[in-house]
Amino acid sequence: MVKEQKTSEKWYIVDADNVVLGRLAVAVSRVLSGKHKPTYRRDLNMGDGVVVVNASKIKVTGKKPVEKEYDWYSGYPGGRKTENLESLLKRKPEYVITHAVKGMLPKNKVGKSALGRLKVFAGKEHDMSAQKPQTLKV
């Protein structure tokens, strides 16, 4: 069995321009959790890092821009707030991709640490060039 310290972490870059949200989230969560490696273990954090650029140009199918809603709670009575996908993509497109990927990762500390290696940027520019990311085809 491979120990967690023996694994090397690579970084990948994904261009989200004209890519369907669900397909992108599946590919990204697979790399973050380490399922693309032959030494995959679900109890260890063995995944790689992913940089997503052009998050504002992502594509969704059907009536999702109007009908899909994201909601959150302020903690006060009557504090439920909702926003549809179309307006949320205009306001903060990074959140949409992060939320989709988070739902596909395990709900434990391995999933939380894997989500920490996801960096999403709305435009083409990113500040992760020091990690020398390789291109990941979606």
Protein backbone atom coordinates (compact mmCIF):
# COMPACT_ATOMS: atom_id res chain seq x y z
CA MET A 1 0.00 0.00 0.00
CA VAL A 2 1.16 3.47 -0.85
CA LYS A 3 1.62 5.92 2.01
CA GLU A 4 0.30 9.46 1.74
CA GLN A 5 3.77 10.98 2.02
CA LYS A 6 5.10 8.99 -0.96
CA THR A 7 2.73 10.56 -3.48
CA SER A 8 3.72 13.55 -5.58
CA GLU A 9 1.19 16.28 -6.20
CA LYS A 10 0.76 17.58 -9.74
CA TRP A 11 -1.32 20.54 -10.84
CA TYR A 12 -3.65 20.61 -13.82
CA ILE A 13 -5.30 23.52 -15.60
CA VAL A 14 -8.78 23.32 -17.16
CA ASP A 15 -10.29 25.86 -19.53
CA ALA A 16 -14.02 26.04 -18.76
CA ASP A 17 -14.84 28.01 -21.89
CA ASN A 18 -17.96 26.43 -23.50
CA VAL A 19 -17.82 23.31 -21.27
CA VAL A 20 -20.96 21.89 -19.62
CA LEU A 21 -20.93 22.45 -15.85
CA GLY A 22 -21.67 18.86 -14.82
CA ARG A 23 -19.07 17.33 -17.11
CA LEU A 24 -16.46 19.75 -15.85
CA ALA A 25 -17.32 19.02 -12.21
CA VAL A 26 -17.01 15.25 -12.75
CA ALA A 27 -13.57 15.55 -14.37
CA VAL A 28 -12.28 17.98 -11.73
CA SER A 29 -13.57 15.98 -8.75
CA ARG A 30 -12.01 12.82 -10.19
CA VAL A 31 -8.57 14.47 -10.28
CA LEU A 32 -8.97 16.12 -6.86
CA SER A 33 -9.86 12.83 -5.19
CA GLY A 34 -7.06 10.93 -6.96
CA LYS A 35 -9.20 8.40 -8.82
CA HIS A 36 -7.14 8.92 -11.96
CA LYS A 37 -4.10 7.33 -10.29
CA PRO A 38 -3.46 3.59 -10.09
CA THR A 39 -2.50 3.97 -6.41
CA TYR A 40 -5.88 5.42 -5.39
CA ARG A 41 -6.98 4.95 -1.77
CA ARG A 42 -10.22 6.48 -0.60
CA ASP A 43 -9.04 6.91 2.99
CA LEU A 44 -6.04 9.07 2.05
CA ASN A 45 -5.74 12.43 0.38
CA MET A 46 -3.86 11.40 -2.77
CA GLY A 47 -5.34 13.70 -5.42
CA ASP A 48 -3.78 16.46 -7.45
CA GLY A 49 -4.52 20.18 -7.67
CA VAL A 50 -6.74 21.73 -10.33
CA VAL A 51 -6.88 25.30 -11.64
CA VAL A 52 -10.06 26.24 -13.53
CA VAL A 53 -9.96 29.35 -15.73
CA ASN A 54 -12.75 31.10 -17.67
CA ALA A 55 -15.39 30.13 -15.11
CA SER A 56 -17.64 32.92 -16.33
CA LYS A 57 -17.90 31.27 -19.79
CA ILE A 58 -19.27 27.94 -18.56
CA LYS A 59 -22.26 26.40 -20.31
CA VAL A 60 -25.38 24.76 -18.87
CA THR A 61 -28.09 22.84 -20.69
CA GLY A 62 -31.86 23.09 -20.76
CA LYS A 63 -33.72 25.58 -18.57
CA LYS A 64 -31.14 25.49 -15.79
CA PRO A 65 -30.10 29.16 -16.05
CA VAL A 66 -33.62 30.22 -15.06
CA GLU A 67 -34.91 27.27 -13.01
CA LYS A 68 -31.87 26.11 -11.00
CA GLU A 69 -31.69 27.96 -7.69
CA TYR A 70 -29.02 28.23 -5.04
CA ASP A 71 -30.17 29.04 -1.53
CA TRP A 72 -28.52 29.90 1.76
CA TYR A 73 -29.64 30.86 5.22
CA SER A 74 -28.63 33.81 7.36
CA GLY A 75 -29.46 32.00 10.59
CA TYR A 76 -32.33 34.32 11.47
CA PRO A 77 -36.04 33.55 11.13
CA GLY A 78 -37.10 34.25 7.56
CA GLY A 79 -33.46 34.51 6.52
CA ARG A 80 -33.63 32.15 3.53
CA LYS A 81 -32.29 33.72 0.36
CA THR A 82 -32.38 32.28 -3.14
CA GLU A 83 -30.75 33.20 -6.43
CA ASN A 84 -31.01 31.53 -9.82
CA LEU A 85 -28.04 30.24 -11.77
CA GLU A 86 -28.11 32.96 -14.40
CA SER A 87 -27.68 35.83 -11.95
CA LEU A 88 -25.20 33.89 -9.81
CA LEU A 89 -23.00 33.25 -12.86
CA LYS A 90 -22.90 36.99 -13.49
CA ARG A 91 -22.18 37.85 -9.86
CA LYS A 92 -19.72 35.13 -8.78
CA PRO A 93 -19.04 32.37 -11.33
CA GLU A 94 -16.32 30.81 -9.15
CA TYR A 95 -18.93 29.76 -6.59
CA VAL A 96 -20.99 27.82 -9.15
CA ILE A 97 -18.07 25.55 -10.10
CA THR A 98 -16.86 25.17 -6.53
CA HIS A 99 -20.36 24.23 -5.36
CA ALA A 100 -20.75 21.62 -8.12
CA VAL A 101 -17.37 20.02 -7.40
CA LYS A 102 -17.96 20.07 -3.64
CA GLY A 103 -21.13 18.03 -4.12
CA MET A 104 -19.16 15.31 -5.92
CA LEU A 105 -16.44 14.92 -3.28
CA PRO A 106 -16.75 12.80 -0.14
CA LYS A 107 -18.35 14.47 2.85
CA ASN A 108 -15.44 14.03 5.28
CA LYS A 109 -12.03 15.52 5.99
CA VAL A 110 -10.50 13.93 2.88
CA GLY A 111 -13.07 15.74 0.72
CA LYS A 112 -12.51 19.04 2.52
CA SER A 113 -8.76 18.88 2.01
CA ALA A 114 -9.27 17.92 -1.65
CA LEU A 115 -11.49 20.97 -2.16
CA GLY A 116 -8.64 23.11 -0.83
CA ARG A 117 -6.63 22.18 -3.93
CA LEU A 118 -9.27 23.60 -6.28
CA LYS A 119 -8.58 27.12 -7.53
CA VAL A 120 -11.23 28.75 -9.74
CA PHE A 121 -10.77 32.00 -11.66
CA ALA A 122 -13.46 33.89 -13.57
CA GLY A 123 -11.12 35.08 -16.33
CA LYS A 124 -8.17 33.76 -18.31
CA GLU A 125 -5.50 35.03 -15.90
CA HIS A 126 -4.48 33.03 -12.83
CA ASP A 127 -1.75 33.27 -10.21
CA MET A 128 -0.85 29.57 -10.10
CA SER A 129 1.91 29.61 -12.74
CA ALA A 130 4.56 28.70 -10.15
CA GLN A 131 3.00 25.23 -9.85
CA LYS A 132 3.54 24.65 -13.62
CA PRO A 133 0.07 23.21 -14.30
CA GLN A 134 -0.41 20.73 -17.13
CA THR A 135 -3.44 20.94 -19.41
CA LEU A 136 -6.33 18.63 -18.51
CA LYS A 137 -8.71 17.79 -21.36
CA VAL A 138 -12.42 17.70 -20.43
